[in-house]
Amino acid sequence: MDVLIARTSNTRHLKLLEVVRLHLLGEAQGDPDKVMQTLGPDPVYKVWGAPERMNMRGSAQVDAYYRHRFGVNRLFVEFDPDRIVVDDDTVVTDLRMRYLARGAAIAAPDAYPVGGVDVEHDDDVYLISGRLLVIWPFDGEGRLGGEEAYTVIDDVRRLTPEEVADSIPAEVLATYS
């Protein structure tokens, strides 16, 4: 995304790309305040194929979702964009994602996007990877109006403790010890 930002001359497009970058950074860092500062006053989230609870409207619902998700479900998340499309009102990102989650977070039948995984121990760490396409609508002031997302998971596997250490950057791993 930084390469596209560096070569973008349209000021509106540049602002939208920077907002999406900040939002993704907040998600990767598990920082709900950073995520929420990118959103307009009445964000709408639609996650296709997910349980209805993943479809949210309003700052209160979205904030509660992120605070719960960052507090319980994910140890580390990484996004690697393949394509980014931007116009005056929308950014579309097509990216690879991978994240680590505890077994307890993915064992519940309604855990999205990989619920119902048969785990040996709740504290085991699993690598989940796949594709994520997000349509990011913006309001006239350059704030996110929410997300419309499509997710496809292509791998879920338990990691050994050595693989966990190798999968998380050292500066991030230090916060989980």
Protein backbone atom coordinates (compact mmCIF):
# COMPACT_ATOMS: atom_id res chain seq x y z
CA MET A 1 0.00 0.00 0.00
CA ASP A 2 2.88 2.36 0.74
CA VAL A 3 4.07 2.10 -2.88
CA LEU A 4 0.64 3.10 -4.18
CA ILE A 5 0.44 5.96 -1.68
CA ALA A 6 3.87 7.21 -2.77
CA ARG A 7 2.87 7.36 -6.44
CA THR A 8 -0.66 8.74 -5.98
CA SER A 9 -1.03 12.40 -6.95
CA ASN A 10 -4.82 12.77 -6.61
CA THR A 11 -5.26 14.33 -3.15
CA ARG A 12 -8.67 12.73 -2.52
CA HIS A 13 -7.37 9.26 -3.46
CA LEU A 14 -4.28 9.81 -1.32
CA LYS A 15 -6.43 10.69 1.71
CA LEU A 16 -8.62 7.58 1.26
CA LEU A 17 -5.58 5.30 0.90
CA GLU A 18 -4.00 6.76 4.03
CA VAL A 19 -7.22 6.17 6.00
CA VAL A 20 -7.39 2.51 4.87
CA ARG A 21 -3.69 2.09 5.71
CA LEU A 22 -4.29 3.49 9.22
CA HIS A 23 -7.35 1.24 9.66
CA LEU A 24 -5.42 -1.89 8.61
CA LEU A 25 -2.51 -0.88 10.83
CA GLY A 26 -4.89 -0.52 13.76
CA GLU A 27 -6.28 -4.00 13.05
CA ALA A 28 -2.80 -5.52 12.73
CA GLN A 29 -1.71 -3.86 15.99
CA GLY A 30 -4.92 -4.78 17.81
CA ASP A 31 -5.60 -1.10 18.53
CA PRO A 32 -9.37 -0.43 18.61
CA ASP A 33 -8.89 3.31 19.15
CA LYS A 34 -6.79 3.61 15.99
CA VAL A 35 -9.39 1.62 14.04
CA MET A 36 -12.29 3.69 15.35
CA GLN A 37 -10.66 7.02 14.50
CA THR A 38 -10.83 6.07 10.81
CA LEU A 39 -14.61 5.57 10.86
CA GLY A 40 -17.44 8.00 10.29
CA PRO A 41 -20.26 8.41 12.83
CA ASP A 42 -22.49 5.56 11.61
CA PRO A 43 -20.33 2.79 10.12
CA VAL A 44 -21.99 -0.21 8.47
CA TYR A 45 -20.22 -3.57 8.37
CA LYS A 46 -21.36 -6.37 6.06
CA VAL A 47 -19.40 -9.61 6.09
CA TRP A 48 -20.71 -11.93 3.39
CA GLY A 49 -21.09 -15.54 4.47
CA ALA A 50 -20.58 -14.73 8.15
CA PRO A 51 -23.02 -15.09 11.04
CA GLU A 52 -25.49 -12.21 11.31
CA ARG A 53 -23.69 -10.85 14.40
CA MET A 54 -20.79 -9.91 12.10
CA ASN A 55 -23.08 -7.45 10.30
CA MET A 56 -23.01 -4.31 12.42
CA ARG A 57 -24.28 -0.78 12.27
CA GLY A 58 -23.16 2.16 14.36
CA SER A 59 -20.05 3.12 16.28
CA ALA A 60 -21.11 1.39 19.51
CA GLN A 61 -21.53 -2.05 17.88
CA VAL A 62 -18.34 -1.74 15.82
CA ASP A 63 -16.27 -0.53 18.79
CA ALA A 64 -17.56 -3.38 20.99
CA TYR A 65 -16.73 -5.88 18.25
CA TYR A 66 -13.13 -4.69 17.86
CA ARG A 67 -12.50 -4.49 21.61
CA HIS A 68 -13.75 -8.07 22.02
CA ARG A 69 -11.86 -9.37 18.99
CA PHE A 70 -8.56 -7.77 19.96
CA GLY A 71 -8.97 -8.82 23.58
CA VAL A 72 -9.76 -12.49 22.95
CA ASN A 73 -9.30 -13.86 19.48
CA ARG A 74 -6.10 -12.86 17.75
CA LEU A 75 -2.47 -13.01 18.72
CA PHE A 76 -1.06 -11.55 15.50
CA VAL A 77 -2.45 -10.54 12.12
CA GLU A 78 -0.70 -9.67 8.88
CA PHE A 79 -2.08 -8.29 5.62
CA ASP A 80 -0.31 -8.47 2.26
CA PRO A 81 -2.23 -6.58 -0.48
CA ASP A 82 -2.14 -7.95 -4.02
CA ARG A 83 -4.43 -5.34 -5.57
CA ILE A 84 -5.77 -1.99 -4.46
CA VAL A 85 -8.28 0.02 -6.46
CA VAL A 86 -9.27 3.56 -5.52
CA ASP A 87 -11.75 6.12 -6.83
CA ASP A 88 -13.24 9.25 -5.27
CA ASP A 89 -15.63 7.36 -2.96
CA THR A 90 -14.26 3.84 -2.49
CA VAL A 91 -11.11 1.80 -1.95
CA VAL A 92 -11.08 -1.93 -2.74
CA THR A 93 -8.33 -4.12 -1.27
CA ASP A 94 -7.65 -7.69 -2.34
CA LEU A 95 -5.14 -9.14 0.06
CA ARG A 96 -3.64 -12.22 1.61
CA MET A 97 -4.13 -12.40 5.33
CA ARG A 98 -2.70 -14.62 7.96
CA TYR A 99 -3.23 -14.56 11.65
CA LEU A 100 -2.55 -16.58 14.73
CA ALA A 101 -5.33 -17.52 17.13
CA ARG A 102 -5.63 -19.63 20.25
CA GLY A 103 -7.52 -22.90 19.90
CA ALA A 104 -10.26 -21.67 22.22
CA ALA A 105 -10.96 -18.77 19.84
CA ILE A 106 -11.55 -21.02 16.83
CA ALA A 107 -13.21 -24.01 18.48
CA ALA A 108 -16.58 -22.33 19.00
CA PRO A 109 -18.99 -23.36 16.23
CA ASP A 110 -19.92 -19.74 15.47
CA ALA A 111 -16.37 -18.34 15.47
CA TYR A 112 -15.86 -16.51 12.19
CA PRO A 113 -14.27 -17.27 9.77
CA VAL A 114 -13.12 -20.71 10.94
CA GLY A 115 -15.54 -21.75 13.66
CA GLY A 116 -15.84 -25.32 14.82
CA VAL A 117 -12.20 -26.32 14.37
CA ASP A 118 -11.40 -29.47 16.35
CA VAL A 119 -8.60 -28.36 18.67
CA GLU A 120 -6.51 -30.52 20.96
CA HIS A 121 -5.90 -27.82 23.60
CA ASP A 122 -7.52 -24.41 24.04
CA ASP A 123 -4.09 -22.78 24.46
CA ASP A 124 -2.59 -24.21 21.26
CA VAL A 125 -1.81 -21.60 18.61
CA TYR A 126 -3.17 -21.99 15.09
CA LEU A 127 -2.16 -20.29 11.85
CA ILE A 128 -5.14 -19.25 9.74
CA SER A 129 -4.50 -17.94 6.25
CA GLY A 130 -6.60 -16.97 3.29
CA ARG A 131 -7.82 -14.13 1.10
CA LEU A 132 -9.78 -11.07 2.10
CA LEU A 133 -11.48 -8.69 -0.30
CA VAL A 134 -12.77 -5.51 1.32
CA ILE A 135 -14.83 -2.73 -0.21
CA TRP A 136 -14.21 0.44 1.82
CA PRO A 137 -16.91 3.11 1.22
CA PHE A 138 -16.12 6.70 2.25
CA ASP A 139 -18.21 9.71 3.16
CA GLY A 140 -17.65 13.19 1.72
CA GLU A 141 -15.22 14.07 4.51
CA GLY A 142 -12.92 11.11 3.84
CA ARG A 143 -14.07 8.94 6.74
CA LEU A 144 -14.79 5.26 6.35
CA GLY A 145 -18.45 4.36 6.12
CA GLY A 146 -17.63 0.80 7.19
CA GLU A 147 -16.54 -2.36 5.41
CA GLU A 148 -18.05 -4.88 3.05
CA ALA A 149 -15.91 -8.01 3.19
CA TYR A 150 -15.55 -11.38 1.50
CA THR A 151 -13.27 -13.96 3.15
CA VAL A 152 -11.93 -17.31 1.95
CA ILE A 153 -9.81 -19.38 4.34
CA ASP A 154 -7.41 -21.80 2.68
CA ASP A 155 -5.38 -23.13 5.62
CA VAL A 156 -5.83 -23.73 9.36
CA ARG A 157 -3.08 -25.59 11.18
CA ARG A 158 -1.72 -25.98 14.69
CA LEU A 159 1.77 -24.58 15.19
CA THR A 160 4.54 -25.94 17.35
CA PRO A 161 5.98 -23.52 19.94
CA GLU A 162 9.02 -23.08 17.68
CA GLU A 163 6.80 -22.20 14.72
CA VAL A 164 4.91 -19.69 16.85
CA ALA A 165 8.18 -17.97 17.74
CA ASP A 166 9.18 -17.96 14.05
CA SER A 167 5.76 -16.66 12.90
CA ILE A 168 5.56 -13.56 15.07
CA PRO A 169 8.05 -10.67 14.77
CA ALA A 170 10.20 -10.43 17.90
CA GLU A 171 8.82 -7.02 18.90
CA VAL A 172 5.27 -8.39 18.75
CA LEU A 173 6.15 -11.72 20.40
CA ALA A 174 7.54 -9.81 23.42
CA THR A 175 4.07 -8.47 24.17
CA TYR A 176 2.66 -12.02 24.48
CA SER A 177 5.19 -13.54 26.86
